[in-house]
Amino acid sequence: ADSGDAPIDNNPVENAIRPIALGKKNWLFAGSEASGRRAAAIQSLLGTAKLNGIEPLSWLTETLEKLPAWPNSQIDELLPLRR
């Protein structure tokens, strides 16, 4: 608090999570707990892609095309953090 390095508000974080907060009511009907977990994982990956300056749809499309032939031992190389 003495240095003034910390931002005065958390607006960037609130703006980043707004789509998730707005969709909460719709996601109550994901179908099952497992479906909800999968949806949360996909949203996290797409959000990570955005934060790393990667266009989410192109990253997801490219990853899904590579996935069937990709070795399990190297699966982490497909994550948006690795680009």
PDB file of N, CA and C in Angstrom:
ATOM      1  N   ALA A   1       0.820  -1.186   0.000  1.00  0.00           N
ATOM      2  CA  ALA A   1       0.000   0.000   0.000  1.00  0.00           C
ATOM      3  C   ALA A   1       0.870   1.259   0.000  1.00  0.00           C
ATOM      4  N   ASP A   2       2.056   1.158   0.555  1.00  0.00           N
ATOM      5  CA  ASP A   2       2.918   2.337   0.611  1.00  0.00           C
ATOM      6  C   ASP A   2       3.507   2.713  -0.736  1.00  0.00           C
ATOM      7  N   SER A   3       3.753   1.726  -1.611  1.00  0.00           N
ATOM      8  CA  SER A   3       4.422   2.008  -2.878  1.00  0.00           C
ATOM      9  C   SER A   3       3.471   2.479  -3.979  1.00  0.00           C
ATOM     10  N   GLY A   4       2.211   2.140  -3.909  1.00  0.00           N
ATOM     11  CA  GLY A   4       1.258   2.529  -4.943  1.00  0.00           C
ATOM     12  C   GLY A   4       1.325   1.667  -6.193  1.00  0.00           C
ATOM     13  N   ASP A   5       2.001   0.517  -6.140  1.00  0.00           N
ATOM     14  CA  ASP A   5       2.113  -0.372  -7.301  1.00  0.00           C
ATOM     15  C   ASP A   5       0.823  -1.130  -7.595  1.00  0.00           C
ATOM     16  N   ALA A   6       0.035  -1.398  -6.588  1.00  0.00           N
ATOM     17  CA  ALA A   6      -1.197  -2.165  -6.780  1.00  0.00           C
ATOM     18  C   ALA A   6      -2.264  -1.271  -7.409  1.00  0.00           C
ATOM     19  N   PRO A   7      -3.029  -1.817  -8.371  1.00  0.00           N
ATOM     20  CA  PRO A   7      -4.092  -1.016  -8.979  1.00  0.00           C
ATOM     21  C   PRO A   7      -5.159  -0.656  -7.948  1.00  0.00           C
ATOM     22  N   ILE A   8      -5.811   0.466  -8.169  1.00  0.00           N
ATOM     23  CA  ILE A   8      -6.809   0.949  -7.214  1.00  0.00           C
ATOM     24  C   ILE A   8      -8.107   0.139  -7.278  1.00  0.00           C
ATOM     25  N   ASP A   9      -8.346  -0.540  -8.386  1.00  0.00           N
ATOM     26  CA  ASP A   9      -9.550  -1.357  -8.506  1.00  0.00           C
ATOM     27  C   ASP A   9      -9.224  -2.652  -9.242  1.00  0.00           C
ATOM     28  N   ASN A  10     -10.207  -3.523  -9.325  1.00  0.00           N
ATOM     29  CA  ASN A  10     -10.002  -4.801 -10.008  1.00  0.00           C
ATOM     30  C   ASN A  10     -10.892  -4.904 -11.244  1.00  0.00           C
ATOM     31  N   ASN A  11     -11.136  -3.792 -11.922  1.00  0.00           N
ATOM     32  CA  ASN A  11     -12.004  -3.788 -13.105  1.00  0.00           C
ATOM     33  C   ASN A  11     -11.561  -4.759 -14.192  1.00  0.00           C
ATOM     34  N   PRO A  12     -10.262  -4.881 -14.508  1.00  0.00           N
ATOM     35  CA  PRO A  12      -9.885  -5.853 -15.553  1.00  0.00           C
ATOM     36  C   PRO A  12     -10.335  -7.277 -15.224  1.00  0.00           C
ATOM     37  N   VAL A  13     -10.221  -7.665 -13.962  1.00  0.00           N
ATOM     38  CA  VAL A  13     -10.644  -9.009 -13.564  1.00  0.00           C
ATOM     39  C   VAL A  13     -12.162  -9.127 -13.656  1.00  0.00           C
ATOM     40  N   GLU A  14     -12.866  -8.127 -13.178  1.00  0.00           N
ATOM     41  CA  GLU A  14     -14.328  -8.171 -13.246  1.00  0.00           C
ATOM     42  C   GLU A  14     -14.821  -8.223 -14.687  1.00  0.00           C
ATOM     43  N   ASN A  15     -14.179  -7.484 -15.576  1.00  0.00           N
ATOM     44  CA  ASN A  15     -14.566  -7.523 -16.987  1.00  0.00           C
ATOM     45  C   ASN A  15     -14.281  -8.891 -17.603  1.00  0.00           C
ATOM     46  N   ALA A  16     -13.207  -9.532 -17.170  1.00  0.00           N
ATOM     47  CA  ALA A  16     -12.849 -10.840 -17.716  1.00  0.00           C
ATOM     48  C   ALA A  16     -13.843 -11.924 -17.300  1.00  0.00           C
ATOM     49  N   ILE A  17     -14.377 -11.826 -16.091  1.00  0.00           N
ATOM     50  CA  ILE A  17     -15.283 -12.877 -15.608  1.00  0.00           C
ATOM     51  C   ILE A  17     -16.757 -12.539 -15.838  1.00  0.00           C
ATOM     52  N   ARG A  18     -17.059 -11.356 -16.356  1.00  0.00           N
ATOM     53  CA  ARG A  18     -18.452 -10.958 -16.569  1.00  0.00           C
ATOM     54  C   ARG A  18     -19.241 -11.967 -17.414  1.00  0.00           C
ATOM     55  N   PRO A  19     -18.698 -12.467 -18.547  1.00  0.00           N
ATOM     56  CA  PRO A  19     -19.483 -13.447 -19.327  1.00  0.00           C
ATOM     57  C   PRO A  19     -19.839 -14.694 -18.525  1.00  0.00           C
ATOM     58  N   ILE A  20     -18.958 -15.109 -17.653  1.00  0.00           N
ATOM     59  CA  ILE A  20     -19.245 -16.295 -16.827  1.00  0.00           C
ATOM     60  C   ILE A  20     -20.339 -15.975 -15.821  1.00  0.00           C
ATOM     61  N   ALA A  21     -20.235 -14.800 -15.194  1.00  0.00           N
ATOM     62  CA  ALA A  21     -21.250 -14.415 -14.214  1.00  0.00           C
ATOM     63  C   ALA A  21     -22.623 -14.262 -14.868  1.00  0.00           C
ATOM     64  N   LEU A  22     -22.676 -13.700 -16.069  1.00  0.00           N
ATOM     65  CA  LEU A  22     -23.953 -13.520 -16.754  1.00  0.00           C
ATOM     66  C   LEU A  22     -24.574 -14.849 -17.190  1.00  0.00           C
ATOM     67  N   GLY A  23     -23.744 -15.837 -17.468  1.00  0.00           N
ATOM     68  CA  GLY A  23     -24.249 -17.121 -17.930  1.00  0.00           C
ATOM     69  C   GLY A  23     -24.567 -18.112 -16.831  1.00  0.00           C
ATOM     70  N   LYS A  24     -24.328 -17.740 -15.572  1.00  0.00           N
ATOM     71  CA  LYS A  24     -24.518 -18.688 -14.467  1.00  0.00           C
ATOM     72  C   LYS A  24     -25.894 -19.341 -14.464  1.00  0.00           C
ATOM     73  N   LYS A  25     -26.910 -18.565 -14.660  1.00  0.00           N
ATOM     74  CA  LYS A  25     -28.266 -19.114 -14.603  1.00  0.00           C
ATOM     75  C   LYS A  25     -28.473 -20.166 -15.699  1.00  0.00           C
ATOM     76  N   ASN A  26     -27.943 -19.906 -16.886  1.00  0.00           N
ATOM     77  CA  ASN A  26     -28.065 -20.878 -17.970  1.00  0.00           C
ATOM     78  C   ASN A  26     -27.281 -22.147 -17.681  1.00  0.00           C
ATOM     79  N   TRP A  27     -26.173 -21.998 -17.033  1.00  0.00           N
ATOM     80  CA  TRP A  27     -25.309 -23.160 -16.800  1.00  0.00           C
ATOM     81  C   TRP A  27     -25.780 -24.032 -15.646  1.00  0.00           C
ATOM     82  N   LEU A  28     -26.830 -23.618 -14.970  1.00  0.00           N
ATOM     83  CA  LEU A  28     -27.408 -24.496 -13.955  1.00  0.00           C
ATOM     84  C   LEU A  28     -27.953 -25.767 -14.596  1.00  0.00           C
ATOM     85  N   PHE A  29     -28.209 -25.683 -15.905  1.00  0.00           N
ATOM     86  CA  PHE A  29     -28.819 -26.799 -16.615  1.00  0.00           C
ATOM     87  C   PHE A  29     -27.817 -27.432 -17.575  1.00  0.00           C
ATOM     88  N   ALA A  30     -26.586 -27.637 -17.137  1.00  0.00           N
ATOM     89  CA  ALA A  30     -25.537 -28.223 -17.972  1.00  0.00           C
ATOM     90  C   ALA A  30     -25.818 -29.696 -18.264  1.00  0.00           C
ATOM     91  N   GLY A  31     -26.681 -30.320 -17.514  1.00  0.00           N
ATOM     92  CA  GLY A  31     -27.037 -31.707 -17.754  1.00  0.00           C
ATOM     93  C   GLY A  31     -26.599 -32.614 -16.633  1.00  0.00           C
ATOM     94  N   SER A  32     -25.388 -32.418 -16.159  1.00  0.00           N
ATOM     95  CA  SER A  32     -24.880 -33.222 -15.050  1.00  0.00           C
ATOM     96  C   SER A  32     -23.667 -32.517 -14.462  1.00  0.00           C
ATOM     97  N   GLU A  33     -23.207 -33.011 -13.353  1.00  0.00           N
ATOM     98  CA  GLU A  33     -22.012 -32.429 -12.731  1.00  0.00           C
ATOM     99  C   GLU A  33     -20.797 -32.587 -13.649  1.00  0.00           C
ATOM    100  N   ALA A  34     -20.697 -33.733 -14.301  1.00  0.00           N
ATOM    101  CA  ALA A  34     -19.570 -33.966 -15.220  1.00  0.00           C
ATOM    102  C   ALA A  34     -19.617 -32.988 -16.402  1.00  0.00           C
ATOM    103  N   SER A  35     -20.810 -32.716 -16.910  1.00  0.00           N
ATOM    104  CA  SER A  35     -20.944 -31.744 -18.004  1.00  0.00           C
ATOM    105  C   SER A  35     -20.512 -30.363 -17.558  1.00  0.00           C
ATOM    106  N   GLY A  36     -20.895 -29.992 -16.362  1.00  0.00           N
ATOM    107  CA  GLY A  36     -20.498 -28.698 -15.811  1.00  0.00           C
ATOM    108  C   GLY A  36     -18.989 -28.589 -15.665  1.00  0.00           C
ATOM    109  N   ARG A  37     -18.359 -29.668 -15.230  1.00  0.00           N
ATOM    110  CA  ARG A  37     -16.888 -29.663 -15.097  1.00  0.00           C
ATOM    111  C   ARG A  37     -16.215 -29.513 -16.462  1.00  0.00           C
ATOM    112  N   ARG A  38     -16.742 -30.214 -17.457  1.00  0.00           N
ATOM    113  CA  ARG A  38     -16.170 -30.093 -18.807  1.00  0.00           C
ATOM    114  C   ARG A  38     -16.343 -28.681 -19.355  1.00  0.00           C
ATOM    115  N   ALA A  39     -17.521 -28.098 -19.147  1.00  0.00           N
ATOM    116  CA  ALA A  39     -17.763 -26.727 -19.610  1.00  0.00           C
ATOM    117  C   ALA A  39     -16.816 -25.750 -18.922  1.00  0.00           C
ATOM    118  N   ALA A  40     -16.596 -25.943 -17.622  1.00  0.00           N
ATOM    119  CA  ALA A  40     -15.679 -25.069 -16.887  1.00  0.00           C
ATOM    120  C   ALA A  40     -14.250 -25.209 -17.417  1.00  0.00           C
ATOM    121  N   ALA A  41     -13.834 -26.430 -17.727  1.00  0.00           N
ATOM    122  CA  ALA A  41     -12.481 -26.648 -18.253  1.00  0.00           C
ATOM    123  C   ALA A  41     -12.311 -25.968 -19.613  1.00  0.00           C
ATOM    124  N   ILE A  42     -13.304 -26.098 -20.473  1.00  0.00           N
ATOM    125  CA  ILE A  42     -13.224 -25.473 -21.804  1.00  0.00           C
ATOM    126  C   ILE A  42     -13.204 -23.952 -21.672  1.00  0.00           C
ATOM    127  N   GLN A  43     -14.044 -23.396 -20.803  1.00  0.00           N
ATOM    128  CA  GLN A  43     -14.068 -21.945 -20.609  1.00  0.00           C
ATOM    129  C   GLN A  43     -12.730 -21.451 -20.062  1.00  0.00           C
ATOM    130  N   SER A  44     -12.121 -22.231 -19.179  1.00  0.00           N
ATOM    131  CA  SER A  44     -10.812 -21.853 -18.638  1.00  0.00           C
ATOM    132  C   SER A  44      -9.748 -21.835 -19.732  1.00  0.00           C
ATOM    133  N   LEU A  45      -9.762 -22.840 -20.602  1.00  0.00           N
ATOM    134  CA  LEU A  45      -8.795 -22.892 -21.696  1.00  0.00           C
ATOM    135  C   LEU A  45      -8.997 -21.732 -22.671  1.00  0.00           C
ATOM    136  N   LEU A  46     -10.247 -21.431 -23.006  1.00  0.00           N
ATOM    137  CA  LEU A  46     -10.515 -20.326 -23.918  1.00  0.00           C
ATOM    138  C   LEU A  46     -10.133 -18.983 -23.289  1.00  0.00           C
ATOM    139  N   GLY A  47     -10.386 -18.831 -21.999  1.00  0.00           N
ATOM    140  CA  GLY A  47      -9.978 -17.614 -21.295  1.00  0.00           C
ATOM    141  C   GLY A  47      -8.472 -17.472 -21.245  1.00  0.00           C
ATOM    142  N   THR A  48      -7.759 -18.587 -21.052  1.00  0.00           N
ATOM    143  CA  THR A  48      -6.297 -18.565 -21.038  1.00  0.00           C
ATOM    144  C   THR A  48      -5.760 -18.175 -22.407  1.00  0.00           C
ATOM    145  N   ALA A  49      -6.382 -18.681 -23.452  1.00  0.00           N
ATOM    146  CA  ALA A  49      -5.967 -18.309 -24.806  1.00  0.00           C
ATOM    147  C   ALA A  49      -6.119 -16.802 -25.005  1.00  0.00           C
ATOM    148  N   LYS A  50      -7.265 -16.257 -24.606  1.00  0.00           N
ATOM    149  CA  LYS A  50      -7.501 -14.816 -24.742  1.00  0.00           C
ATOM    150  C   LYS A  50      -6.447 -14.009 -23.999  1.00  0.00           C
ATOM    151  N   LEU A  51      -6.181 -14.395 -22.759  1.00  0.00           N
ATOM    152  CA  LEU A  51      -5.207 -13.660 -21.940  1.00  0.00           C
ATOM    153  C   LEU A  51      -3.798 -13.714 -22.521  1.00  0.00           C
ATOM    154  N   ASN A  52      -3.522 -14.736 -23.314  1.00  0.00           N
ATOM    155  CA  ASN A  52      -2.197 -14.874 -23.921  1.00  0.00           C
ATOM    156  C   ASN A  52      -2.155 -14.330 -25.343  1.00  0.00           C
ATOM    157  N   GLY A  53      -3.191 -13.594 -25.726  1.00  0.00           N
ATOM    158  CA  GLY A  53      -3.207 -12.957 -27.034  1.00  0.00           C
ATOM    159  C   GLY A  53      -3.453 -13.900 -28.194  1.00  0.00           C
ATOM    160  N   ILE A  54      -4.057 -15.044 -27.907  1.00  0.00           N
ATOM    161  CA  ILE A  54      -4.356 -16.040 -28.938  1.00  0.00           C
ATOM    162  C   ILE A  54      -5.845 -15.972 -29.238  1.00  0.00           C
ATOM    163  N   GLU A  55      -6.210 -15.985 -30.508  1.00  0.00           N
ATOM    164  CA  GLU A  55      -7.625 -15.974 -30.886  1.00  0.00           C
ATOM    165  C   GLU A  55      -8.224 -17.333 -30.504  1.00  0.00           C
ATOM    166  N   PRO A  56      -9.174 -17.362 -29.549  1.00  0.00           N
ATOM    167  CA  PRO A  56      -9.669 -18.622 -28.996  1.00  0.00           C
ATOM    168  C   PRO A  56     -10.233 -19.609 -30.024  1.00  0.00           C
ATOM    169  N   LEU A  57     -11.032 -19.143 -30.976  1.00  0.00           N
ATOM    170  CA  LEU A  57     -11.647 -20.065 -31.934  1.00  0.00           C
ATOM    171  C   LEU A  57     -10.598 -20.726 -32.818  1.00  0.00           C
ATOM    172  N   SER A  58      -9.618 -19.975 -33.284  1.00  0.00           N
ATOM    173  CA  SER A  58      -8.585 -20.584 -34.129  1.00  0.00           C
ATOM    174  C   SER A  58      -7.724 -21.549 -33.319  1.00  0.00           C
ATOM    175  N   TRP A  59      -7.432 -21.202 -32.044  1.00  0.00           N
ATOM    176  CA  TRP A  59      -6.655 -22.117 -31.201  1.00  0.00           C
ATOM    177  C   TRP A  59      -7.429 -23.414 -30.981  1.00  0.00           C
ATOM    178  N   LEU A  60      -8.727 -23.297 -30.664  1.00  0.00           N
ATOM    179  CA  LEU A  60      -9.534 -24.486 -30.407  1.00  0.00           C
ATOM    180  C   LEU A  60      -9.658 -25.344 -31.655  1.00  0.00           C
ATOM    181  N   THR A  61      -9.895 -24.724 -32.798  1.00  0.00           N
ATOM    182  CA  THR A  61     -10.015 -25.457 -34.057  1.00  0.00           C
ATOM    183  C   THR A  61      -8.723 -26.213 -34.364  1.00  0.00           C
ATOM    184  N   GLU A  62      -7.604 -25.516 -34.259  1.00  0.00           N
ATOM    185  CA  GLU A  62      -6.300 -26.136 -34.528  1.00  0.00           C
ATOM    186  C   GLU A  62      -6.015 -27.278 -33.555  1.00  0.00           C
ATOM    187  N   THR A  63      -6.329 -27.058 -32.286  1.00  0.00           N
ATOM    188  CA  THR A  63      -6.073 -28.082 -31.260  1.00  0.00           C
ATOM    189  C   THR A  63      -6.938 -29.316 -31.490  1.00  0.00           C
ATOM    190  N   LEU A  64      -8.214 -29.107 -31.809  1.00  0.00           N
ATOM    191  CA  LEU A  64      -9.097 -30.260 -32.038  1.00  0.00           C
ATOM    192  C   LEU A  64      -8.695 -31.046 -33.283  1.00  0.00           C
ATOM    193  N   GLU A  65      -8.123 -30.368 -34.272  1.00  0.00           N
ATOM    194  CA  GLU A  65      -7.632 -31.079 -35.460  1.00  0.00           C
ATOM    195  C   GLU A  65      -6.395 -31.915 -35.140  1.00  0.00           C
ATOM    196  N   LYS A  66      -5.529 -31.418 -34.278  1.00  0.00           N
ATOM    197  CA  LYS A  66      -4.295 -32.124 -33.921  1.00  0.00           C
ATOM    198  C   LYS A  66      -4.537 -33.251 -32.912  1.00  0.00           C
ATOM    199  N   LEU A  67      -5.528 -33.085 -32.072  1.00  0.00           N
ATOM    200  CA  LEU A  67      -5.732 -33.958 -30.914  1.00  0.00           C
ATOM    201  C   LEU A  67      -5.782 -35.460 -31.214  1.00  0.00           C
ATOM    202  N   PRO A  68      -6.495 -35.916 -32.241  1.00  0.00           N
ATOM    203  CA  PRO A  68      -6.584 -37.367 -32.448  1.00  0.00           C
ATOM    204  C   PRO A  68      -5.229 -38.056 -32.678  1.00  0.00           C
ATOM    205  N   ALA A  69      -4.291 -37.375 -33.299  1.00  0.00           N
ATOM    206  CA  ALA A  69      -3.000 -38.001 -33.603  1.00  0.00           C
ATOM    207  C   ALA A  69      -1.894 -37.571 -32.641  1.00  0.00           C
ATOM    208  N   TRP A  70      -2.219 -36.723 -31.688  1.00  0.00           N
ATOM    209  CA  TRP A  70      -1.202 -36.183 -30.786  1.00  0.00           C
ATOM    210  C   TRP A  70      -0.871 -37.196 -29.694  1.00  0.00           C
ATOM    211  N   PRO A  71       0.422 -37.392 -29.390  1.00  0.00           N
ATOM    212  CA  PRO A  71       0.797 -38.351 -28.328  1.00  0.00           C
ATOM    213  C   PRO A  71       0.358 -37.860 -26.945  1.00  0.00           C
ATOM    214  N   ASN A  72      -0.182 -38.756 -26.147  1.00  0.00           N
ATOM    215  CA  ASN A  72      -0.637 -38.397 -24.804  1.00  0.00           C
ATOM    216  C   ASN A  72       0.484 -37.830 -23.942  1.00  0.00           C
ATOM    217  N   SER A  73       1.692 -38.287 -24.151  1.00  0.00           N
ATOM    218  CA  SER A  73       2.814 -37.821 -23.337  1.00  0.00           C
ATOM    219  C   SER A  73       3.178 -36.367 -23.622  1.00  0.00           C
ATOM    220  N   GLN A  74       2.662 -35.802 -24.724  1.00  0.00           N
ATOM    221  CA  GLN A  74       2.981 -34.416 -25.088  1.00  0.00           C
ATOM    222  C   GLN A  74       1.734 -33.534 -25.141  1.00  0.00           C
ATOM    223  N   ILE A  75       0.679 -33.957 -24.472  1.00  0.00           N
ATOM    224  CA  ILE A  75      -0.600 -33.250 -24.560  1.00  0.00           C
ATOM    225  C   ILE A  75      -0.506 -31.826 -24.036  1.00  0.00           C
ATOM    226  N   ASP A  76       0.383 -31.588 -23.055  1.00  0.00           N
ATOM    227  CA  ASP A  76       0.495 -30.243 -22.501  1.00  0.00           C
ATOM    228  C   ASP A  76       1.051 -29.232 -23.503  1.00  0.00           C
ATOM    229  N   GLU A  77       1.651 -29.692 -24.568  1.00  0.00           N
ATOM    230  CA  GLU A  77       2.152 -28.794 -25.609  1.00  0.00           C
ATOM    231  C   GLU A  77       1.025 -28.124 -26.390  1.00  0.00           C
ATOM    232  N   LEU A  78      -0.182 -28.646 -26.295  1.00  0.00           N
ATOM    233  CA  LEU A  78      -1.326 -28.067 -26.999  1.00  0.00           C
ATOM    234  C   LEU A  78      -2.004 -26.959 -26.204  1.00  0.00           C
ATOM    235  N   LEU A  79      -1.633 -26.805 -24.942  1.00  0.00           N
ATOM    236  CA  LEU A  79      -2.256 -25.782 -24.102  1.00  0.00           C
ATOM    237  C   LEU A  79      -1.919 -24.390 -24.609  1.00  0.00           C
ATOM    238  N   PRO A  80      -2.835 -23.430 -24.422  1.00  0.00           N
ATOM    239  CA  PRO A  80      -2.580 -22.073 -24.909  1.00  0.00           C
ATOM    240  C   PRO A  80      -1.423 -21.378 -24.198  1.00  0.00           C
ATOM    241  N   LEU A  81      -0.993 -21.876 -23.070  1.00  0.00           N
ATOM    242  CA  LEU A  81       0.154 -21.297 -22.380  1.00  0.00           C
ATOM    243  C   LEU A  81       1.468 -21.599 -23.077  1.00  0.00           C
ATOM    244  N   ARG A  82       1.490 -22.609 -23.894  1.00  0.00           N
ATOM    245  CA  ARG A  82       2.727 -23.083 -24.529  1.00  0.00           C
ATOM    246  C   ARG A  82       3.052 -22.369 -25.824  1.00  0.00           C
ATOM    247  N   ARG A  83       2.244 -21.447 -26.251  1.00  0.00           N
ATOM    248  CA  ARG A  83       2.455 -20.794 -27.548  1.00  0.00           C
ATOM    249  C   ARG A  83       3.367 -19.627 -27.441  1.00  0.00           C
TER     250      ARG A  83
END
